[in-house]
Amino acid sequence: MGRYYGLKIRNNEMTLEKVPRLWKTMTEKWLEQNTAD
């Protein structure tokens, strides 16, 4: 789910603030590990 929300954030479909609290930490970790080149 971190990847799912991370991709949505990258595609400007949503913001980190809209990610459910349950998945926010995993999403932040995914975004750090998968920086855009």
PDB file of N, CA and C in Angstrom:
ATOM      1  N   MET A   1       0.826  -1.200   0.000  1.00  0.00           N
ATOM      2  CA  MET A   1       0.000   0.000   0.000  1.00  0.00           C
ATOM      3  C   MET A   1       0.866   1.258   0.000  1.00  0.00           C
ATOM      4  N   GLY A   2       2.049   1.160   0.578  1.00  0.00           N
ATOM      5  CA  GLY A   2       2.940   2.311   0.533  1.00  0.00           C
ATOM      6  C   GLY A   2       3.280   2.682  -0.898  1.00  0.00           C
ATOM      7  N   ARG A   3       3.518   1.661  -1.725  1.00  0.00           N
ATOM      8  CA  ARG A   3       3.819   1.894  -3.143  1.00  0.00           C
ATOM      9  C   ARG A   3       2.611   2.492  -3.850  1.00  0.00           C
ATOM     10  N   TYR A   4       1.429   1.965  -3.565  1.00  0.00           N
ATOM     11  CA  TYR A   4       0.191   2.451  -4.188  1.00  0.00           C
ATOM     12  C   TYR A   4       0.017   3.952  -3.935  1.00  0.00           C
ATOM     13  N   TYR A   5       0.090   4.349  -2.679  1.00  0.00           N
ATOM     14  CA  TYR A   5      -0.082   5.763  -2.357  1.00  0.00           C
ATOM     15  C   TYR A   5       1.100   6.595  -2.854  1.00  0.00           C
ATOM     16  N   GLY A   6       2.308   6.023  -2.800  1.00  0.00           N
ATOM     17  CA  GLY A   6       3.475   6.729  -3.308  1.00  0.00           C
ATOM     18  C   GLY A   6       3.344   7.063  -4.784  1.00  0.00           C
ATOM     19  N   LEU A   7       2.856   6.107  -5.566  1.00  0.00           N
ATOM     20  CA  LEU A   7       2.663   6.356  -7.000  1.00  0.00           C
ATOM     21  C   LEU A   7       1.577   7.399  -7.237  1.00  0.00           C
ATOM     22  N   LYS A   8       0.516   7.373  -6.442  1.00  0.00           N
ATOM     23  CA  LYS A   8      -0.545   8.371  -6.584  1.00  0.00           C
ATOM     24  C   LYS A   8      -0.004   9.771  -6.273  1.00  0.00           C
ATOM     25  N   ILE A   9       0.861   9.867  -5.263  1.00  0.00           N
ATOM     26  CA  ILE A   9       1.470  11.160  -4.920  1.00  0.00           C
ATOM     27  C   ILE A   9       2.374  11.619  -6.058  1.00  0.00           C
ATOM     28  N   ARG A  10       3.193  10.705  -6.600  1.00  0.00           N
ATOM     29  CA  ARG A  10       4.083  11.042  -7.712  1.00  0.00           C
ATOM     30  C   ARG A  10       3.314  11.512  -8.939  1.00  0.00           C
ATOM     31  N   ASN A  11       2.121  10.950  -9.160  1.00  0.00           N
ATOM     32  CA  ASN A  11       1.300  11.318 -10.319  1.00  0.00           C
ATOM     33  C   ASN A  11       0.395  12.509 -10.033  1.00  0.00           C
ATOM     34  N   ASN A  12       0.606  13.162  -8.890  1.00  0.00           N
ATOM     35  CA  ASN A  12      -0.187  14.327  -8.477  1.00  0.00           C
ATOM     36  C   ASN A  12      -1.678  14.024  -8.394  1.00  0.00           C
ATOM     37  N   GLU A  13      -2.027  12.775  -8.061  1.00  0.00           N
ATOM     38  CA  GLU A  13      -3.429  12.406  -7.895  1.00  0.00           C
ATOM     39  C   GLU A  13      -3.890  12.643  -6.459  1.00  0.00           C
ATOM     40  N   MET A  14      -2.916  12.728  -5.533  1.00  0.00           N
ATOM     41  CA  MET A  14      -3.246  13.006  -4.141  1.00  0.00           C
ATOM     42  C   MET A  14      -2.005  13.544  -3.445  1.00  0.00           C
ATOM     43  N   THR A  15      -2.173  14.004  -2.212  1.00  0.00           N
ATOM     44  CA  THR A  15      -1.053  14.519  -1.428  1.00  0.00           C
ATOM     45  C   THR A  15      -0.818  13.599  -0.235  1.00  0.00           C
ATOM     46  N   LEU A  16       0.345  13.738   0.388  1.00  0.00           N
ATOM     47  CA  LEU A  16       0.680  12.916   1.549  1.00  0.00           C
ATOM     48  C   LEU A  16      -0.316  13.138   2.684  1.00  0.00           C
ATOM     49  N   GLU A  17      -0.860  14.332   2.775  1.00  0.00           N
ATOM     50  CA  GLU A  17      -1.832  14.634   3.829  1.00  0.00           C
ATOM     51  C   GLU A  17      -3.116  13.825   3.672  1.00  0.00           C
ATOM     52  N   LYS A  18      -3.419  13.386   2.459  1.00  0.00           N
ATOM     53  CA  LYS A  18      -4.644  12.621   2.189  1.00  0.00           C
ATOM     54  C   LYS A  18      -4.464  11.120   2.415  1.00  0.00           C
ATOM     55  N   VAL A  19      -3.216  10.675   2.622  1.00  0.00           N
ATOM     56  CA  VAL A  19      -2.959   9.253   2.848  1.00  0.00           C
ATOM     57  C   VAL A  19      -3.506   8.877   4.228  1.00  0.00           C
ATOM     58  N   PRO A  20      -4.233   7.758   4.325  1.00  0.00           N
ATOM     59  CA  PRO A  20      -4.737   7.327   5.632  1.00  0.00           C
ATOM     60  C   PRO A  20      -3.598   7.142   6.632  1.00  0.00           C
ATOM     61  N   ARG A  21      -3.861   7.483   7.872  1.00  0.00           N
ATOM     62  CA  ARG A  21      -2.840   7.443   8.918  1.00  0.00           C
ATOM     63  C   ARG A  21      -2.162   6.071   9.001  1.00  0.00           C
ATOM     64  N   LEU A  22      -2.930   5.021   8.792  1.00  0.00           N
ATOM     65  CA  LEU A  22      -2.397   3.663   8.862  1.00  0.00           C
ATOM     66  C   LEU A  22      -1.259   3.434   7.869  1.00  0.00           C
ATOM     67  N   TRP A  23      -1.327   4.065   6.702  1.00  0.00           N
ATOM     68  CA  TRP A  23      -0.359   3.830   5.628  1.00  0.00           C
ATOM     69  C   TRP A  23       0.640   4.963   5.456  1.00  0.00           C
ATOM     70  N   LYS A  24       0.529   6.024   6.234  1.00  0.00           N
ATOM     71  CA  LYS A  24       1.376   7.202   6.031  1.00  0.00           C
ATOM     72  C   LYS A  24       2.864   6.890   6.220  1.00  0.00           C
ATOM     73  N   THR A  25       3.217   6.185   7.273  1.00  0.00           N
ATOM     74  CA  THR A  25       4.629   5.876   7.535  1.00  0.00           C
ATOM     75  C   THR A  25       5.217   5.020   6.424  1.00  0.00           C
ATOM     76  N   MET A  26       4.476   3.999   6.003  1.00  0.00           N
ATOM     77  CA  MET A  26       4.967   3.137   4.918  1.00  0.00           C
ATOM     78  C   MET A  26       5.102   3.916   3.621  1.00  0.00           C
ATOM     79  N   THR A  27       4.185   4.829   3.369  1.00  0.00           N
ATOM     80  CA  THR A  27       4.240   5.639   2.152  1.00  0.00           C
ATOM     81  C   THR A  27       5.449   6.558   2.177  1.00  0.00           C
ATOM     82  N   GLU A  28       5.706   7.199   3.329  1.00  0.00           N
ATOM     83  CA  GLU A  28       6.879   8.069   3.450  1.00  0.00           C
ATOM     84  C   GLU A  28       8.160   7.272   3.220  1.00  0.00           C
ATOM     85  N   LYS A  29       8.231   6.074   3.778  1.00  0.00           N
ATOM     86  CA  LYS A  29       9.411   5.222   3.600  1.00  0.00           C
ATOM     87  C   LYS A  29       9.574   4.840   2.131  1.00  0.00           C
ATOM     88  N   TRP A  30       8.474   4.489   1.463  1.00  0.00           N
ATOM     89  CA  TRP A  30       8.534   4.122   0.045  1.00  0.00           C
ATOM     90  C   TRP A  30       9.022   5.301  -0.787  1.00  0.00           C
ATOM     91  N   LEU A  31       8.515   6.499  -0.496  1.00  0.00           N
ATOM     92  CA  LEU A  31       8.926   7.686  -1.247  1.00  0.00           C
ATOM     93  C   LEU A  31      10.421   7.958  -1.066  1.00  0.00           C
ATOM     94  N   GLU A  32      10.944   7.763   0.159  1.00  0.00           N
ATOM     95  CA  GLU A  32      12.374   7.968   0.405  1.00  0.00           C
ATOM     96  C   GLU A  32      13.219   6.955  -0.364  1.00  0.00           C
ATOM     97  N   GLN A  33      12.777   5.713  -0.395  1.00  0.00           N
ATOM     98  CA  GLN A  33      13.546   4.654  -1.039  1.00  0.00           C
ATOM     99  C   GLN A  33      13.432   4.692  -2.556  1.00  0.00           C
ATOM    100  N   ASN A  34      12.407   5.321  -3.071  1.00  0.00           N
ATOM    101  CA  ASN A  34      12.156   5.333  -4.512  1.00  0.00           C
ATOM    102  C   ASN A  34      12.108   6.765  -5.034  1.00  0.00           C
ATOM    103  N   THR A  35      13.214   7.461  -4.871  1.00  0.00           N
ATOM    104  CA  THR A  35      13.277   8.840  -5.327  1.00  0.00           C
ATOM    105  C   THR A  35      13.224   8.907  -6.844  1.00  0.00           C
ATOM    106  N   ALA A  36      12.569   9.933  -7.342  1.00  0.00           N
ATOM    107  CA  ALA A  36      12.470  10.122  -8.797  1.00  0.00           C
ATOM    108  C   ALA A  36      13.821  10.569  -9.338  1.00  0.00           C
ATOM    109  N   ASP A  37      14.197  10.036 -10.455  1.00  0.00           N
ATOM    110  CA  ASP A  37      15.488  10.406 -11.065  1.00  0.00           C
ATOM    111  C   ASP A  37      15.351  11.617 -11.949  1.00  0.00           C
TER     112      ASP A  37
END
